[in-house]
Amino acid sequence: FVTTGLELWSGEDCAKRYFRQRLWGSVTMAQAFFSDRECWRRHISLDPYTGMDPPNIRLRASQGFEAADYFMGNYWVWGKMLENLADVGYDGSMMTMM
């Protein structure tokens, strides 16, 4: 089971306000979807010929613990594990999320 957020690094004018925000795996995803579904769909889709990013659009995986701790706000993936490890003395300098 793998999950991560996808952040917008480059996009069309309709999505400029979401720079470095998650278009997949967050409440921002729902906001973007309901405010302009076609814009969201173009940004979340792959190029049908190359399988890569569409022209002028770049989505990249979120980095660090925030990328996989919670999915869509309250659905924890690794969040509980991270909290428990913090309770016994671990911190971000002792762990890595891959």
C-alpha atoms as a PDB file:
ATOM      1  CA  PHE A   1       0.000   0.000   0.000  1.00  0.00           C
ATOM      2  CA  VAL A   2       1.546   3.264  -1.118  1.00  0.00           C
ATOM      3  CA  THR A   3       0.141   6.757  -0.975  1.00  0.00           C
ATOM      4  CA  THR A   4       1.555  10.200  -1.328  1.00  0.00           C
ATOM      5  CA  GLY A   5       0.441  13.677  -2.168  1.00  0.00           C
ATOM      6  CA  LEU A   6       1.094  15.115  -5.610  1.00  0.00           C
ATOM      7  CA  GLU A   7       2.122  18.776  -5.587  1.00  0.00           C
ATOM      8  CA  LEU A   8       1.772  21.208  -8.452  1.00  0.00           C
ATOM      9  CA  TRP A   9       5.125  22.702  -9.494  1.00  0.00           C
ATOM     10  CA  SER A  10       4.094  24.118 -12.850  1.00  0.00           C
ATOM     11  CA  GLY A  11       0.721  24.478 -14.492  1.00  0.00           C
ATOM     12  CA  GLU A  12      -1.805  26.404 -16.500  1.00  0.00           C
ATOM     13  CA  ASP A  13      -3.174  29.759 -15.378  1.00  0.00           C
ATOM     14  CA  CYS A  14      -6.299  28.120 -13.930  1.00  0.00           C
ATOM     15  CA  ALA A  15      -4.148  26.292 -11.361  1.00  0.00           C
ATOM     16  CA  LYS A  16      -1.465  28.886 -10.510  1.00  0.00           C
ATOM     17  CA  ARG A  17      -2.995  29.443  -7.056  1.00  0.00           C
ATOM     18  CA  TYR A  18      -2.207  25.809  -6.160  1.00  0.00           C
ATOM     19  CA  PHE A  19       1.575  26.124  -6.603  1.00  0.00           C
ATOM     20  CA  ARG A  20       3.297  23.653  -4.225  1.00  0.00           C
ATOM     21  CA  GLN A  21      -0.067  22.499  -2.900  1.00  0.00           C
ATOM     22  CA  ARG A  22      -1.399  18.979  -3.255  1.00  0.00           C
ATOM     23  CA  LEU A  23      -3.686  18.304  -6.181  1.00  0.00           C
ATOM     24  CA  TRP A  24      -3.899  14.678  -5.041  1.00  0.00           C
ATOM     25  CA  GLY A  25      -4.331  13.415  -1.497  1.00  0.00           C
ATOM     26  CA  SER A  26      -5.579  16.459   0.404  1.00  0.00           C
ATOM     27  CA  VAL A  27      -8.462  18.788   1.060  1.00  0.00           C
ATOM     28  CA  THR A  28      -6.898  21.109  -1.538  1.00  0.00           C
ATOM     29  CA  MET A  29      -7.596  18.353  -4.066  1.00  0.00           C
ATOM     30  CA  ALA A  30     -11.316  18.579  -3.325  1.00  0.00           C
ATOM     31  CA  GLN A  31     -11.255  22.386  -3.518  1.00  0.00           C
ATOM     32  CA  ALA A  32      -9.503  22.304  -6.895  1.00  0.00           C
ATOM     33  CA  PHE A  33     -11.843  19.595  -8.189  1.00  0.00           C
ATOM     34  CA  PHE A  34     -15.051  21.365  -7.210  1.00  0.00           C
ATOM     35  CA  SER A  35     -13.924  24.838  -8.270  1.00  0.00           C
ATOM     36  CA  ASP A  36     -12.792  23.814 -11.790  1.00  0.00           C
ATOM     37  CA  ARG A  37     -13.078  20.120 -12.640  1.00  0.00           C
ATOM     38  CA  GLU A  38     -11.642  20.383 -16.145  1.00  0.00           C
ATOM     39  CA  CYS A  39      -8.586  22.287 -14.960  1.00  0.00           C
ATOM     40  CA  TRP A  40      -8.022  19.727 -12.182  1.00  0.00           C
ATOM     41  CA  ARG A  41      -8.474  16.835 -14.624  1.00  0.00           C
ATOM     42  CA  ARG A  42      -5.938  18.280 -17.089  1.00  0.00           C
ATOM     43  CA  HIS A  43      -3.386  18.684 -14.318  1.00  0.00           C
ATOM     44  CA  ILE A  44      -3.871  15.222 -12.785  1.00  0.00           C
ATOM     45  CA  SER A  45      -3.791  13.387 -16.164  1.00  0.00           C
ATOM     46  CA  LEU A  46      -0.759  12.038 -17.966  1.00  0.00           C
ATOM     47  CA  ASP A  47       0.040  12.791 -21.582  1.00  0.00           C
ATOM     48  CA  PRO A  48      -1.768  10.057 -23.577  1.00  0.00           C
ATOM     49  CA  TYR A  49       1.145   9.600 -26.008  1.00  0.00           C
ATOM     50  CA  THR A  50       4.224   9.787 -23.795  1.00  0.00           C
ATOM     51  CA  GLY A  51       2.851   8.804 -20.390  1.00  0.00           C
ATOM     52  CA  MET A  52       4.741  11.773 -18.940  1.00  0.00           C
ATOM     53  CA  ASP A  53       3.564  15.172 -17.720  1.00  0.00           C
ATOM     54  CA  PRO A  54       1.457  17.100 -20.232  1.00  0.00           C
ATOM     55  CA  PRO A  55       3.158  20.162 -21.761  1.00  0.00           C
ATOM     56  CA  ASN A  56       3.678  23.000 -19.225  1.00  0.00           C
ATOM     57  CA  ILE A  57       2.334  20.921 -16.313  1.00  0.00           C
ATOM     58  CA  ARG A  58       4.509  19.340 -13.613  1.00  0.00           C
ATOM     59  CA  LEU A  59       3.130  17.366 -10.667  1.00  0.00           C
ATOM     60  CA  ARG A  60       5.642  15.860  -8.287  1.00  0.00           C
ATOM     61  CA  ALA A  61       5.408  13.650  -5.226  1.00  0.00           C
ATOM     62  CA  SER A  62       5.342  15.449  -1.899  1.00  0.00           C
ATOM     63  CA  GLN A  63       8.458  15.066   0.204  1.00  0.00           C
ATOM     64  CA  GLY A  64       9.057  13.960   3.763  1.00  0.00           C
ATOM     65  CA  PHE A  65       6.686  12.728   6.442  1.00  0.00           C
ATOM     66  CA  GLU A  66       3.896  15.012   5.267  1.00  0.00           C
ATOM     67  CA  ALA A  67       3.791  13.035   2.022  1.00  0.00           C
ATOM     68  CA  ALA A  68       2.452   9.856   3.629  1.00  0.00           C
ATOM     69  CA  ASP A  69       1.260  10.554   7.171  1.00  0.00           C
ATOM     70  CA  TYR A  70      -2.386  11.358   6.375  1.00  0.00           C
ATOM     71  CA  PHE A  71      -4.494  10.998   3.244  1.00  0.00           C
ATOM     72  CA  MET A  72      -7.355  13.468   2.729  1.00  0.00           C
ATOM     73  CA  GLY A  73      -7.096  15.007   6.160  1.00  0.00           C
ATOM     74  CA  ASN A  74      -8.295  12.487   8.730  1.00  0.00           C
ATOM     75  CA  TYR A  75      -7.429   9.163   7.099  1.00  0.00           C
ATOM     76  CA  TRP A  76      -4.108   8.195   8.600  1.00  0.00           C
ATOM     77  CA  VAL A  77      -1.656   6.088   6.682  1.00  0.00           C
ATOM     78  CA  TRP A  78       1.594   6.419   8.638  1.00  0.00           C
ATOM     79  CA  GLY A  79       0.534   9.251  10.976  1.00  0.00           C
ATOM     80  CA  LYS A  80      -0.214   7.064  14.001  1.00  0.00           C
ATOM     81  CA  MET A  81       3.093   5.228  13.616  1.00  0.00           C
ATOM     82  CA  LEU A  82       4.976   8.537  13.437  1.00  0.00           C
ATOM     83  CA  GLU A  83       3.186   9.828  16.550  1.00  0.00           C
ATOM     84  CA  ASN A  84       4.031   6.663  18.475  1.00  0.00           C
ATOM     85  CA  LEU A  85       7.675   6.794  17.406  1.00  0.00           C
ATOM     86  CA  ALA A  86       7.834  10.429  18.546  1.00  0.00           C
ATOM     87  CA  ASP A  87       6.418   9.358  21.929  1.00  0.00           C
ATOM     88  CA  VAL A  88       9.384   7.023  22.462  1.00  0.00           C
ATOM     89  CA  GLY A  89      11.983   9.609  21.452  1.00  0.00           C
ATOM     90  CA  TYR A  90      12.359   9.489  17.680  1.00  0.00           C
ATOM     91  CA  ASP A  91      12.337  12.685  15.611  1.00  0.00           C
ATOM     92  CA  GLY A  92      12.784  13.741  12.000  1.00  0.00           C
ATOM     93  CA  SER A  93      16.580  13.579  12.204  1.00  0.00           C
ATOM     94  CA  MET A  94      16.446   9.866  13.106  1.00  0.00           C
ATOM     95  CA  MET A  95      13.941   8.683  10.487  1.00  0.00           C
ATOM     96  CA  THR A  96      13.451   8.897   6.737  1.00  0.00           C
ATOM     97  CA  MET A  97      10.287   8.482   4.676  1.00  0.00           C
ATOM     98  CA  MET A  98      11.057   6.717   1.389  1.00  0.00           C
END
